[in-house]
Amino acid sequence: MEIKKDEKKSLDVKVVIIPIVVIVLAVILGLFVSFGKKDNKKELEKSLSEMGKSFYENFYYEQIGSSADERTKLLSKFTTVGIKIDLENLARYNDGEFKDDISEFKNKKTKKDCNKTNTRVVIYPKSPYGKTDYVVETELDCGFDKDK
């Protein structure tokens, strides 16, 4: 009779422990999934900023003006309004160098693709108007502001 009581206690413990383990695993999985959908706004801003820097330093700056004085005169006009480069133009730059990066431009939470004309980098040239004398701002149109 002793053996049957031990088997019954063992069975009772299993009946209690298994559902608890299943519940704990479900909670952990739920937390993992909810944290997996993190906001990717900062990543997109960084990527856009890097693309804008490359475009400005390696293409735009080289194309504007034929002398340092002419370049300074032209760039000084953009110190407050900025030079706006949208995703469509970045996609065409350097034979599509950024095409793969741009294809990743979507809000991970909402799955909304970024608008290719409203998502842009703005370069604000500053004195002394050298190749790396500028401030970068990014503007994303992917539904991030609507999430809040």
N, C-alpha and C. Protein backbone atom coordinates (compact mmCIF):
# COMPACT_ATOMS: atom_id res chain seq x y z
N MET A 1 0.82 -1.20 0.00
CA MET A 1 0.00 0.00 0.00
C MET A 1 0.86 1.26 0.00
N GLU A 2 2.00 1.17 0.61
CA GLU A 2 2.90 2.32 0.67
C GLU A 2 3.29 2.77 -0.74
N ILE A 3 3.52 1.86 -1.63
CA ILE A 3 3.96 2.17 -2.98
C ILE A 3 2.86 2.94 -3.71
N LYS A 4 1.64 2.57 -3.53
CA LYS A 4 0.54 3.24 -4.20
C LYS A 4 0.39 4.68 -3.71
N LYS A 5 0.61 4.93 -2.42
CA LYS A 5 0.51 6.28 -1.88
C LYS A 5 1.60 7.17 -2.47
N ASP A 6 2.81 6.63 -2.57
CA ASP A 6 3.91 7.39 -3.16
C ASP A 6 3.64 7.71 -4.63
N GLU A 7 3.11 6.74 -5.36
CA GLU A 7 2.77 6.98 -6.76
C GLU A 7 1.68 8.04 -6.89
N LYS A 8 0.71 8.02 -5.98
CA LYS A 8 -0.38 8.99 -6.02
C LYS A 8 0.15 10.39 -5.70
N LYS A 9 1.05 10.51 -4.71
CA LYS A 9 1.65 11.80 -4.38
C LYS A 9 2.47 12.32 -5.55
N SER A 10 3.22 11.44 -6.19
CA SER A 10 4.03 11.80 -7.35
C SER A 10 3.14 12.30 -8.48
N LEU A 11 2.02 11.64 -8.69
CA LEU A 11 1.08 12.04 -9.73
C LEU A 11 0.45 13.39 -9.40
N ASP A 12 0.10 13.62 -8.13
CA ASP A 12 -0.49 14.89 -7.69
C ASP A 12 0.50 16.04 -7.90
N VAL A 13 1.77 15.80 -7.59
CA VAL A 13 2.79 16.82 -7.76
C VAL A 13 2.94 17.16 -9.24
N LYS A 14 2.95 16.15 -10.10
CA LYS A 14 3.06 16.38 -11.54
C LYS A 14 1.87 17.18 -12.07
N VAL A 15 0.69 16.87 -11.58
CA VAL A 15 -0.52 17.57 -12.03
C VAL A 15 -0.45 19.05 -11.65
N VAL A 16 0.18 19.38 -10.55
CA VAL A 16 0.30 20.76 -10.11
C VAL A 16 1.48 21.46 -10.80
N ILE A 17 2.61 20.81 -10.90
CA ILE A 17 3.82 21.44 -11.43
C ILE A 17 3.73 21.70 -12.94
N ILE A 18 3.20 20.76 -13.70
CA ILE A 18 3.15 20.92 -15.16
C ILE A 18 2.37 22.17 -15.57
N PRO A 19 1.16 22.40 -15.05
CA PRO A 19 0.45 23.64 -15.44
C PRO A 19 1.19 24.91 -15.01
N ILE A 20 1.86 24.87 -13.86
CA ILE A 20 2.62 26.05 -13.42
C ILE A 20 3.76 26.32 -14.38
N VAL A 21 4.48 25.30 -14.80
CA VAL A 21 5.58 25.46 -15.75
C VAL A 21 5.05 26.00 -17.08
N VAL A 22 3.93 25.47 -17.53
CA VAL A 22 3.34 25.93 -18.79
C VAL A 22 2.95 27.41 -18.68
N ILE A 23 2.37 27.82 -17.58
CA ILE A 23 1.97 29.22 -17.39
C ILE A 23 3.20 30.12 -17.35
N VAL A 24 4.23 29.71 -16.62
CA VAL A 24 5.45 30.51 -16.55
C VAL A 24 6.08 30.66 -17.94
N LEU A 25 6.15 29.58 -18.70
CA LEU A 25 6.70 29.64 -20.06
C LEU A 25 5.86 30.55 -20.96
N ALA A 26 4.55 30.51 -20.81
CA ALA A 26 3.67 31.36 -21.62
C ALA A 26 3.91 32.84 -21.30
N VAL A 27 4.07 33.15 -20.03
CA VAL A 27 4.34 34.54 -19.62
C VAL A 27 5.69 35.00 -20.17
N ILE A 28 6.70 34.16 -20.06
CA ILE A 28 8.03 34.51 -20.57
C ILE A 28 7.98 34.71 -22.08
N LEU A 29 7.31 33.84 -22.79
CA LEU A 29 7.17 33.97 -24.24
C LEU A 29 6.42 35.26 -24.60
N GLY A 30 5.37 35.56 -23.86
CA GLY A 30 4.62 36.80 -24.10
C GLY A 30 5.47 38.04 -23.90
N LEU A 31 6.27 38.04 -22.86
CA LEU A 31 7.17 39.18 -22.61
C LEU A 31 8.22 39.28 -23.71
N PHE A 32 8.74 38.16 -24.12
CA PHE A 32 9.75 38.15 -25.18
C PHE A 32 9.19 38.70 -26.48
N VAL A 33 7.99 38.31 -26.84
CA VAL A 33 7.36 38.80 -28.07
C VAL A 33 7.07 40.30 -27.98
N SER A 34 6.57 40.75 -26.83
CA SER A 34 6.25 42.18 -26.70
C SER A 34 7.50 43.04 -26.71
N PHE A 35 8.60 42.56 -26.13
CA PHE A 35 9.85 43.31 -26.16
C PHE A 35 10.53 43.19 -27.52
N GLY A 36 10.20 42.16 -28.26
CA GLY A 36 10.78 41.98 -29.59
C GLY A 36 10.32 43.04 -30.58
N LYS A 37 9.17 43.63 -30.33
CA LYS A 37 8.65 44.68 -31.21
C LYS A 37 9.09 46.04 -30.70
N LYS A 38 10.39 46.22 -30.57
CA LYS A 38 10.88 47.49 -30.06
C LYS A 38 10.85 48.55 -31.16
N ASP A 39 10.88 49.76 -30.73
CA ASP A 39 10.87 50.91 -31.62
C ASP A 39 12.21 51.01 -32.35
N ASN A 40 12.18 51.07 -33.67
CA ASN A 40 13.41 51.14 -34.46
C ASN A 40 13.67 52.55 -35.00
N LYS A 41 13.05 53.54 -34.39
CA LYS A 41 13.20 54.92 -34.86
C LYS A 41 14.65 55.38 -34.82
N LYS A 42 15.35 55.13 -33.73
CA LYS A 42 16.75 55.56 -33.59
C LYS A 42 17.63 54.90 -34.65
N GLU A 43 17.39 53.62 -34.92
CA GLU A 43 18.18 52.91 -35.94
C GLU A 43 17.97 53.54 -37.31
N LEU A 44 16.73 53.85 -37.64
CA LEU A 44 16.44 54.47 -38.94
C LEU A 44 17.04 55.86 -39.04
N GLU A 45 16.97 56.62 -37.95
CA GLU A 45 17.56 57.96 -37.96
C GLU A 45 19.07 57.88 -38.17
N LYS A 46 19.71 56.94 -37.52
CA LYS A 46 21.16 56.78 -37.67
C LYS A 46 21.51 56.39 -39.11
N SER A 47 20.79 55.45 -39.66
CA SER A 47 21.04 55.00 -41.03
C SER A 47 20.83 56.14 -42.02
N LEU A 48 19.74 56.88 -41.85
CA LEU A 48 19.44 58.01 -42.73
C LEU A 48 20.51 59.08 -42.62
N SER A 49 20.95 59.34 -41.42
CA SER A 49 22.01 60.33 -41.19
C SER A 49 23.30 59.92 -41.89
N GLU A 50 23.68 58.66 -41.79
CA GLU A 50 24.89 58.16 -42.44
C GLU A 50 24.79 58.26 -43.96
N MET A 51 23.62 57.93 -44.50
CA MET A 51 23.43 58.04 -45.95
C MET A 51 23.54 59.50 -46.40
N GLY A 52 22.94 60.39 -45.61
CA GLY A 52 22.99 61.82 -45.94
C GLY A 52 24.40 62.37 -45.90
N LYS A 53 25.17 61.94 -44.90
CA LYS A 53 26.57 62.38 -44.80
C LYS A 53 27.37 61.94 -46.02
N SER A 54 27.18 60.69 -46.40
CA SER A 54 27.90 60.17 -47.57
C SER A 54 27.51 60.93 -48.83
N PHE A 55 26.22 61.15 -49.01
CA PHE A 55 25.73 61.87 -50.19
C PHE A 55 26.32 63.28 -50.24
N TYR A 56 26.28 63.97 -49.10
CA TYR A 56 26.75 65.35 -49.06
C TYR A 56 28.26 65.43 -49.27
N GLU A 57 29.02 64.64 -48.54
CA GLU A 57 30.48 64.73 -48.59
C GLU A 57 31.07 64.18 -49.90
N ASN A 58 30.49 63.12 -50.43
CA ASN A 58 31.09 62.46 -51.58
C ASN A 58 30.48 62.86 -52.93
N PHE A 59 29.34 63.54 -52.89
CA PHE A 59 28.71 63.92 -54.15
C PHE A 59 28.36 65.41 -54.18
N TYR A 60 27.45 65.80 -53.32
CA TYR A 60 26.91 67.16 -53.37
C TYR A 60 28.01 68.21 -53.21
N TYR A 61 28.83 68.06 -52.19
CA TYR A 61 29.87 69.05 -51.90
C TYR A 61 30.83 69.18 -53.08
N GLU A 62 31.13 68.06 -53.71
CA GLU A 62 32.06 68.08 -54.85
C GLU A 62 31.44 68.74 -56.07
N GLN A 63 30.13 68.70 -56.19
CA GLN A 63 29.44 69.22 -57.38
C GLN A 63 29.14 70.72 -57.29
N ILE A 64 29.01 71.24 -56.10
CA ILE A 64 28.57 72.63 -55.94
C ILE A 64 29.78 73.57 -55.99
N GLY A 65 29.75 74.46 -56.93
CA GLY A 65 30.80 75.47 -57.06
C GLY A 65 32.09 74.92 -57.64
N SER A 66 32.82 75.79 -58.34
CA SER A 66 34.08 75.37 -58.95
C SER A 66 35.29 75.87 -58.17
N SER A 67 35.05 76.72 -57.18
CA SER A 67 36.14 77.22 -56.35
C SER A 67 35.66 77.28 -54.90
N ALA A 68 36.59 77.43 -53.98
CA ALA A 68 36.25 77.50 -52.56
C ALA A 68 35.36 78.71 -52.28
N ASP A 69 35.65 79.85 -52.92
CA ASP A 69 34.83 81.05 -52.70
C ASP A 69 33.42 80.85 -53.23
N GLU A 70 33.30 80.27 -54.39
CA GLU A 70 31.98 80.03 -54.99
C GLU A 70 31.19 79.03 -54.14
N ARG A 71 31.86 78.00 -53.68
CA ARG A 71 31.22 76.98 -52.83
C ARG A 71 30.74 77.63 -51.53
N THR A 72 31.56 78.47 -50.91
CA THR A 72 31.18 79.16 -49.68
C THR A 72 29.96 80.04 -49.91
N LYS A 73 29.96 80.75 -51.01
CA LYS A 73 28.84 81.65 -51.32
C LYS A 73 27.55 80.85 -51.51
N LEU A 74 27.62 79.74 -52.22
CA LEU A 74 26.43 78.94 -52.46
C LEU A 74 25.95 78.23 -51.19
N LEU A 75 26.87 77.64 -50.45
CA LEU A 75 26.47 76.90 -49.24
C LEU A 75 25.95 77.80 -48.14
N SER A 76 26.44 79.03 -48.08
CA SER A 76 25.97 79.96 -47.05
C SER A 76 24.48 80.26 -47.17
N LYS A 77 23.93 80.07 -48.35
CA LYS A 77 22.48 80.30 -48.56
C LYS A 77 21.63 79.22 -47.91
N PHE A 78 22.24 78.10 -47.56
CA PHE A 78 21.49 76.97 -47.01
C PHE A 78 21.68 76.78 -45.51
N THR A 79 22.30 77.73 -44.84
CA THR A 79 22.59 77.55 -43.41
C THR A 79 21.32 77.47 -42.55
N THR A 80 20.24 78.12 -42.97
CA THR A 80 19.01 78.08 -42.18
C THR A 80 17.94 77.18 -42.79
N VAL A 81 17.89 77.08 -44.11
CA VAL A 81 16.86 76.25 -44.75
C VAL A 81 17.31 74.81 -44.94
N GLY A 82 18.59 74.59 -45.05
CA GLY A 82 19.13 73.25 -45.20
C GLY A 82 19.00 72.69 -46.61
N ILE A 83 19.76 71.67 -46.86
CA ILE A 83 19.72 70.94 -48.12
C ILE A 83 18.98 69.65 -47.82
N LYS A 84 17.81 69.47 -48.43
CA LYS A 84 16.94 68.33 -48.13
C LYS A 84 17.14 67.23 -49.17
N ILE A 85 17.43 66.02 -48.68
CA ILE A 85 17.65 64.88 -49.56
C ILE A 85 16.71 63.77 -49.10
N ASP A 86 15.72 63.43 -49.92
CA ASP A 86 14.74 62.41 -49.54
C ASP A 86 15.21 61.01 -49.92
N LEU A 87 14.46 60.01 -49.48
CA LEU A 87 14.84 58.61 -49.75
C LEU A 87 14.85 58.29 -51.24
N GLU A 88 13.95 58.91 -52.00
CA GLU A 88 13.94 58.66 -53.45
C GLU A 88 15.26 59.07 -54.09
N ASN A 89 15.76 60.23 -53.73
CA ASN A 89 17.04 60.69 -54.29
C ASN A 89 18.21 59.86 -53.76
N LEU A 90 18.16 59.49 -52.50
CA LEU A 90 19.23 58.65 -51.95
C LEU A 90 19.25 57.28 -52.63
N ALA A 91 18.08 56.79 -53.05
CA ALA A 91 18.01 55.49 -53.74
C ALA A 91 18.69 55.56 -55.10
N ARG A 92 18.67 56.71 -55.74
CA ARG A 92 19.29 56.87 -57.06
C ARG A 92 20.78 57.19 -56.98
N TYR A 93 21.23 57.63 -55.82
CA TYR A 93 22.61 58.06 -55.64
C TYR A 93 23.59 56.91 -55.85
N ASN A 94 24.65 57.18 -56.57
CA ASN A 94 25.77 56.26 -56.77
C ASN A 94 25.32 54.87 -57.23
N ASP A 95 24.51 54.85 -58.28
CA ASP A 95 24.00 53.60 -58.87
C ASP A 95 23.26 52.73 -57.85
N GLY A 96 22.48 53.34 -56.99
CA GLY A 96 21.66 52.60 -56.03
C GLY A 96 22.43 52.05 -54.84
N GLU A 97 23.47 52.72 -54.45
CA GLU A 97 24.31 52.27 -53.33
C GLU A 97 23.50 51.99 -52.06
N PHE A 98 22.46 52.77 -51.82
CA PHE A 98 21.68 52.65 -50.58
C PHE A 98 20.36 51.92 -50.77
N LYS A 99 20.13 51.30 -51.92
CA LYS A 99 18.83 50.66 -52.19
C LYS A 99 18.45 49.63 -51.13
N ASP A 100 19.40 48.79 -50.75
CA ASP A 100 19.10 47.76 -49.73
C ASP A 100 18.78 48.39 -48.39
N ASP A 101 19.54 49.42 -48.01
CA ASP A 101 19.28 50.12 -46.74
C ASP A 101 17.89 50.75 -46.76
N ILE A 102 17.55 51.37 -47.88
CA ILE A 102 16.27 52.07 -47.98
C ILE A 102 15.10 51.09 -47.96
N SER A 103 15.29 49.89 -48.48
CA SER A 103 14.21 48.90 -48.46
C SER A 103 13.84 48.49 -47.03
N GLU A 104 14.74 48.72 -46.09
CA GLU A 104 14.49 48.39 -44.68
C GLU A 104 13.79 49.51 -43.92
N PHE A 105 13.48 50.61 -44.59
CA PHE A 105 12.88 51.76 -43.91
C PHE A 105 11.39 51.54 -43.70
N LYS A 106 11.08 50.91 -42.55
CA LYS A 106 9.70 50.74 -42.13
C LYS A 106 9.63 50.70 -40.62
N ASN A 107 8.51 51.12 -40.11
CA ASN A 107 8.26 51.12 -38.68
C ASN A 107 8.01 49.67 -38.25
N LYS A 108 8.87 49.12 -37.40
CA LYS A 108 8.74 47.71 -36.99
C LYS A 108 7.46 47.46 -36.21
N LYS A 109 7.04 48.43 -35.43
CA LYS A 109 5.84 48.24 -34.62
C LYS A 109 4.57 48.20 -35.46
N THR A 110 4.45 49.16 -36.38
CA THR A 110 3.22 49.27 -37.17
C THR A 110 3.33 48.60 -38.53
N LYS A 111 4.52 48.20 -38.92
CA LYS A 111 4.81 47.61 -40.23
C LYS A 111 4.57 48.60 -41.37
N LYS A 112 4.52 49.89 -41.04
CA LYS A 112 4.28 50.92 -42.04
C LYS A 112 5.60 51.30 -42.72
N ASP A 113 5.59 51.25 -44.08
CA ASP A 113 6.76 51.70 -44.84
C ASP A 113 6.91 53.20 -44.69
N CYS A 114 8.16 53.65 -44.70
CA CYS A 114 8.42 55.08 -44.63
C CYS A 114 8.09 55.71 -45.98
N ASN A 115 7.49 56.88 -45.94
CA ASN A 115 7.19 57.62 -47.16
C ASN A 115 8.51 58.06 -47.78
N LYS A 116 8.70 57.74 -49.06
CA LYS A 116 9.98 57.96 -49.74
C LYS A 116 10.27 59.44 -50.03
N THR A 117 9.24 60.28 -50.08
CA THR A 117 9.48 61.71 -50.35
C THR A 117 9.48 62.54 -49.07
N ASN A 118 8.76 62.09 -48.05
CA ASN A 118 8.71 62.85 -46.80
C ASN A 118 9.79 62.43 -45.81
N THR A 119 10.34 61.25 -45.97
CA THR A 119 11.45 60.81 -45.12
C THR A 119 12.72 61.32 -45.76
N ARG A 120 13.43 62.14 -45.02
CA ARG A 120 14.60 62.79 -45.62
C ARG A 120 15.62 63.20 -44.56
N VAL A 121 16.80 63.50 -45.06
CA VAL A 121 17.87 64.03 -44.23
C VAL A 121 18.04 65.49 -44.64
N VAL A 122 18.28 66.35 -43.66
CA VAL A 122 18.48 67.77 -43.95
C VAL A 122 19.88 68.14 -43.48
N ILE A 123 20.68 68.66 -44.41
CA ILE A 123 22.05 69.07 -44.13
C ILE A 123 22.08 70.59 -44.01
N TYR A 124 22.57 71.08 -42.87
CA TYR A 124 22.70 72.52 -42.64
C TYR A 124 24.20 72.87 -42.68
N PRO A 125 24.68 73.41 -43.82
CA PRO A 125 26.11 73.79 -43.88
C PRO A 125 26.40 74.91 -42.88
N LYS A 126 27.63 74.91 -42.36
CA LYS A 126 28.02 75.96 -41.43
C LYS A 126 29.43 76.42 -41.76
N SER A 127 29.73 77.61 -41.33
CA SER A 127 31.03 78.22 -41.59
C SER A 127 32.11 77.38 -40.93
N PRO A 128 33.20 77.18 -41.55
CA PRO A 128 33.80 77.78 -42.76
C PRO A 128 33.44 77.06 -44.06
N TYR A 129 32.38 76.22 -44.05
CA TYR A 129 31.84 75.58 -45.24
C TYR A 129 32.80 74.58 -45.89
N GLY A 130 33.50 73.86 -45.05
CA GLY A 130 34.33 72.77 -45.54
C GLY A 130 33.48 71.54 -45.76
N LYS A 131 34.10 70.48 -46.21
CA LYS A 131 33.40 69.24 -46.55
C LYS A 131 32.65 68.63 -45.37
N THR A 132 33.16 68.81 -44.18
CA THR A 132 32.52 68.22 -43.00
C THR A 132 31.95 69.26 -42.04
N ASP A 133 31.78 70.47 -42.53
CA ASP A 133 31.22 71.56 -41.70
C ASP A 133 29.72 71.66 -41.94
N TYR A 134 28.97 70.86 -41.19
CA TYR A 134 27.51 70.86 -41.34
C TYR A 134 26.88 70.19 -40.13
N VAL A 135 25.57 70.39 -40.01
CA VAL A 135 24.77 69.74 -38.98
C VAL A 135 23.72 68.92 -39.72
N VAL A 136 23.44 67.72 -39.22
CA VAL A 136 22.48 66.82 -39.86
C VAL A 136 21.23 66.69 -39.01
N GLU A 137 20.08 66.75 -39.66
CA GLU A 137 18.80 66.44 -39.01
C GLU A 137 18.08 65.42 -39.87
N THR A 138 17.29 64.57 -39.24
CA THR A 138 16.52 63.58 -39.99
C THR A 138 15.03 63.82 -39.78
N GLU A 139 14.26 63.50 -40.80
CA GLU A 139 12.80 63.60 -40.72
C GLU A 139 12.23 62.28 -41.22
N LEU A 140 11.59 61.54 -40.31
CA LEU A 140 11.00 60.25 -40.66
C LEU A 140 9.49 60.39 -40.80
N ASP A 141 8.95 59.79 -41.85
CA ASP A 141 7.51 59.72 -42.03
C ASP A 141 7.13 58.24 -42.15
N CYS A 142 7.07 57.61 -40.98
CA CYS A 142 6.80 56.16 -40.92
C CYS A 142 5.77 55.84 -39.85
N GLY A 143 5.08 56.83 -39.35
CA GLY A 143 4.05 56.60 -38.34
C GLY A 143 4.56 56.54 -36.91
N PHE A 144 5.78 56.99 -36.64
CA PHE A 144 6.29 56.94 -35.27
C PHE A 144 5.56 57.90 -34.35
N ASP A 145 5.26 59.09 -34.81
CA ASP A 145 4.59 60.09 -33.97
C ASP A 145 3.19 59.66 -33.59
N LYS A 146 2.56 58.85 -34.43
CA LYS A 146 1.20 58.41 -34.16
C LYS A 146 1.13 57.31 -33.12
N ASP A 147 2.28 56.65 -32.85
CA ASP A 147 2.32 55.56 -31.87
C ASP A 147 2.12 56.05 -30.44
N LYS A 148 2.48 57.26 -30.16
CA LYS A 148 2.52 57.76 -28.78
C LYS A 148 1.16 57.96 -28.19
